[in-house]
Amino acid sequence: MFFFKINNLKAICDWQGRRLLQAGSALLLMMGFLTVGHPAFAGWEPDKLSDAKQAISAFKKADPSLERFFNSAYAYAVFPTVGKGGIGIGGAYGSGTVFIGGKPMGETSLTQLTIGFQLGGQAYREIIFFRDKATLVDFKRGNFELSAQASAVAATLGASADADFENGVAVFTLAKGGLMYEASVGGQKFSFDSY
């Protein structure tokens, strides 16, 4: 009898029903990914610093004109990998390093929850330049969030030439293994821990 009910259930589910179940399963996995706490920052980790420095090199190689931001910004946060994905509801997570004067001074993480038309996933690098000390202090307090309208400039040759600070920050992204013209960074929230 039980076997008969399972076969009937399979017959009832059409292609769209199966896709909806798959999408729901993927969404549950994504929500689980976002709700699992990240481990407490345990201090300086050489691998994370190495990843951050490699990301900086990749940004400079993709757009040498970014050098003006490295020279003029008070500080910057580098996220070597931000993973983003979703089906209708999506999210992103990344961890990185904050630098002042080219020297690491703490670790940071970002989370983002998005709702709207979206399907799939991507991985990219992100760097946030802080124009002044006041903006960095706000970031370090842990209540820093990019506005819903915030967007990032894709780091491609010459793309940063016309970019400037907005609300004290300038945000750039670099797709891993591809090209991303613009990334939605609105609603990203950050945490910070000093070394």
Protein backbone atom coordinates (compact mmCIF):
# COMPACT_ATOMS: atom_id res chain seq x y z
CA MET A 1 0.00 0.00 0.00
CA PHE A 2 2.80 2.45 0.95
CA PHE A 3 4.64 1.69 -2.31
CA PHE A 4 1.45 2.38 -4.27
CA LYS A 5 1.07 5.85 -2.66
CA ILE A 6 4.66 6.78 -3.47
CA ASN A 7 4.15 5.84 -7.13
CA ASN A 8 0.95 7.91 -7.26
CA LEU A 9 2.79 10.86 -5.72
CA LYS A 10 5.49 10.61 -8.35
CA ALA A 11 2.87 10.51 -11.10
CA ILE A 12 1.12 13.59 -9.70
CA CYS A 13 4.31 15.67 -9.61
CA ASP A 14 4.84 17.22 -13.01
CA TRP A 15 8.03 18.81 -14.27
CA GLN A 16 7.26 22.15 -12.61
CA GLY A 17 6.47 20.48 -9.32
CA ARG A 18 9.82 18.70 -9.31
CA ARG A 19 11.59 21.96 -10.18
CA LEU A 20 9.78 23.70 -7.33
CA LEU A 21 10.91 20.98 -4.93
CA GLN A 22 14.49 21.28 -6.19
CA ALA A 23 14.36 25.07 -5.84
CA GLY A 24 12.96 24.75 -2.33
CA SER A 25 15.71 22.31 -1.39
CA ALA A 26 18.37 24.64 -2.78
CA LEU A 27 16.81 27.55 -0.90
CA LEU A 28 16.84 25.59 2.36
CA LEU A 29 20.52 24.78 1.82
CA MET A 30 21.28 28.46 1.14
CA MET A 31 19.38 29.54 4.25
CA GLY A 32 21.29 26.97 6.26
CA PHE A 33 24.54 28.31 4.86
CA LEU A 34 23.62 31.85 5.91
CA THR A 35 22.40 30.96 9.38
CA VAL A 36 25.36 28.82 10.37
CA GLY A 37 27.57 31.04 12.45
CA HIS A 38 31.06 31.65 11.25
CA PRO A 39 33.79 30.64 13.66
CA ALA A 40 35.02 33.24 16.10
CA PHE A 41 37.97 35.21 14.87
CA ALA A 42 41.04 33.68 16.46
CA GLY A 43 43.56 36.31 15.46
CA TRP A 44 46.03 36.55 12.67
CA GLU A 45 45.96 33.72 10.14
CA PRO A 46 48.73 33.68 7.51
CA ASP A 47 46.57 31.96 4.86
CA LYS A 48 43.88 34.64 5.08
CA LEU A 49 46.47 37.37 4.79
CA SER A 50 48.05 35.63 1.81
CA ASP A 51 44.62 35.32 0.15
CA ALA A 52 43.95 39.03 0.76
CA LYS A 53 47.30 40.02 -0.75
CA GLN A 54 46.63 37.84 -3.80
CA ALA A 55 43.23 39.53 -4.20
CA ILE A 56 44.89 42.96 -4.03
CA SER A 57 47.32 41.91 -6.76
CA ALA A 58 44.43 40.64 -8.90
CA PHE A 59 42.58 43.97 -8.52
CA LYS A 60 45.68 45.98 -9.43
CA LYS A 61 46.34 43.77 -12.44
CA ALA A 62 42.73 44.03 -13.67
CA ASP A 63 42.68 47.83 -13.29
CA PRO A 64 45.98 49.60 -12.62
CA SER A 65 44.13 52.90 -12.10
CA LEU A 66 42.85 51.47 -8.79
CA GLU A 67 46.25 52.46 -7.39
CA ARG A 68 44.87 55.94 -6.69
CA PHE A 69 42.37 54.43 -4.23
CA PHE A 70 45.09 52.40 -2.52
CA ASN A 71 47.11 55.62 -2.18
CA SER A 72 44.32 57.99 -1.09
CA ALA A 73 42.02 55.84 1.06
CA TYR A 74 42.49 55.88 4.83
CA ALA A 75 41.90 52.10 4.93
CA TYR A 76 40.44 49.27 2.89
CA ALA A 77 38.75 45.90 3.45
CA VAL A 78 39.63 43.05 1.10
CA PHE A 79 37.35 40.03 0.64
CA PRO A 80 39.27 37.41 -1.39
CA THR A 81 36.10 35.39 -2.02
CA VAL A 82 32.46 36.33 -1.67
CA GLY A 83 30.04 33.52 -2.48
CA LYS A 84 26.62 34.60 -3.64
CA GLY A 85 23.65 32.55 -4.76
CA GLY A 86 19.92 32.21 -4.65
CA ILE A 87 16.62 31.29 -6.18
CA GLY A 88 14.22 34.18 -5.58
CA ILE A 89 15.73 34.66 -2.13
CA GLY A 90 19.49 34.74 -2.05
CA GLY A 91 22.42 35.51 0.12
CA ALA A 92 26.12 36.15 0.17
CA TYR A 93 28.96 35.59 2.61
CA GLY A 94 32.63 36.43 2.64
CA SER A 95 35.44 36.99 5.09
CA GLY A 96 38.38 39.30 4.66
CA THR A 97 41.10 41.51 6.07
CA VAL A 98 41.12 45.24 6.87
CA PHE A 99 44.28 47.21 6.08
CA ILE A 100 45.48 50.65 7.21
CA GLY A 101 48.50 51.99 5.37
CA GLY A 102 49.01 48.61 3.71
CA LYS A 103 49.28 46.79 7.06
CA PRO A 104 46.65 44.32 8.28
CA MET A 105 44.78 45.47 11.38
CA GLY A 106 41.78 43.16 11.69
CA GLU A 107 39.37 40.67 10.18
CA THR A 108 35.93 41.31 8.78
CA SER A 109 33.02 39.35 7.41
CA LEU A 110 30.09 40.31 5.23
CA THR A 111 26.61 38.88 4.93
CA GLN A 112 23.84 39.83 2.56
CA LEU A 113 20.25 38.72 2.12
CA THR A 114 18.46 39.60 -1.12
CA ILE A 115 14.92 39.15 -2.38
CA GLY A 116 13.92 39.50 -6.02
CA PHE A 117 14.52 37.95 -9.40
CA GLN A 118 17.69 35.90 -9.11
CA LEU A 119 18.78 32.43 -10.01
CA GLY A 120 22.16 30.80 -9.74
CA GLY A 121 25.37 31.64 -7.98
CA GLN A 122 28.69 33.37 -8.38
CA ALA A 123 31.97 33.93 -6.63
CA TYR A 124 33.82 37.21 -6.74
CA ARG A 125 36.38 39.33 -4.92
CA GLU A 126 35.38 42.58 -3.27
CA ILE A 127 37.31 45.54 -1.93
CA ILE A 128 35.89 48.46 0.03
CA PHE A 129 37.95 51.65 0.30
CA PHE A 130 37.27 53.93 3.28
CA ARG A 131 37.85 57.60 2.50
CA ASP A 132 38.58 58.69 6.08
CA LYS A 133 39.02 57.58 9.67
CA ALA A 134 35.40 58.41 10.59
CA THR A 135 34.06 55.98 7.99
CA LEU A 136 36.42 53.25 9.20
CA VAL A 137 35.41 53.87 12.84
CA ASP A 138 31.75 53.45 11.84
CA PHE A 139 32.65 50.23 10.03
CA LYS A 140 34.59 48.89 13.04
CA ARG A 141 31.61 49.46 15.37
CA GLY A 142 29.83 46.61 13.58
CA ASN A 143 26.78 48.61 12.53
CA PHE A 144 28.02 49.40 9.03
CA GLU A 145 25.71 48.51 6.16
CA LEU A 146 25.81 49.48 2.50
CA SER A 147 22.59 51.20 1.42
CA ALA A 148 20.09 49.29 -0.67
CA GLN A 149 21.00 51.42 -3.70
CA ALA A 150 24.74 50.79 -3.36
CA SER A 151 26.48 49.14 -6.27
CA ALA A 152 30.03 48.19 -7.00
CA VAL A 153 32.24 49.04 -9.93
CA ALA A 154 33.67 46.02 -11.73
CA ALA A 155 37.45 46.19 -11.73
CA THR A 156 38.26 46.14 -15.42
CA LEU A 157 40.89 48.11 -17.28
CA GLY A 158 40.18 51.81 -16.69
CA ALA A 159 36.82 51.25 -14.97
CA SER A 160 37.92 53.00 -11.79
CA ALA A 161 39.00 56.16 -13.64
CA ASP A 162 35.57 57.77 -13.20
CA ALA A 163 34.73 56.10 -9.87
CA ASP A 164 34.69 58.06 -6.65
CA PHE A 165 33.78 57.71 -2.99
CA GLU A 166 30.09 57.68 -2.15
CA ASN A 167 29.03 58.06 1.49
CA GLY A 168 32.68 57.63 2.46
CA VAL A 169 33.30 54.37 0.61
CA ALA A 170 34.20 53.13 -2.87
CA VAL A 171 33.38 49.48 -3.64
CA PHE A 172 34.93 47.38 -6.39
CA THR A 173 34.35 43.77 -7.38
CA LEU A 174 36.29 41.34 -9.52
CA ALA A 175 34.65 38.17 -10.79
CA LYS A 176 36.59 34.97 -10.22
CA GLY A 177 37.06 33.28 -13.55
CA GLY A 178 34.89 35.68 -15.54
CA LEU A 179 33.63 39.20 -16.02
CA MET A 180 30.94 40.87 -13.93
CA TYR A 181 29.86 44.34 -15.05
CA GLU A 182 28.09 45.28 -11.83
CA ALA A 183 27.39 43.56 -8.57
CA SER A 184 24.60 44.38 -6.20
CA VAL A 185 26.22 45.10 -2.85
CA GLY A 186 23.24 46.92 -1.36
CA GLY A 187 22.25 45.58 2.02
CA GLN A 188 25.61 44.02 2.81
CA LYS A 189 26.26 43.99 6.56
CA PHE A 190 29.69 43.72 8.14
CA SER A 191 31.34 42.61 11.35
CA PHE A 192 34.86 43.48 12.44
CA ASP A 193 37.43 42.12 14.91
CA SER A 194 40.84 43.66 15.56
CA TYR A 195 43.93 41.47 15.74
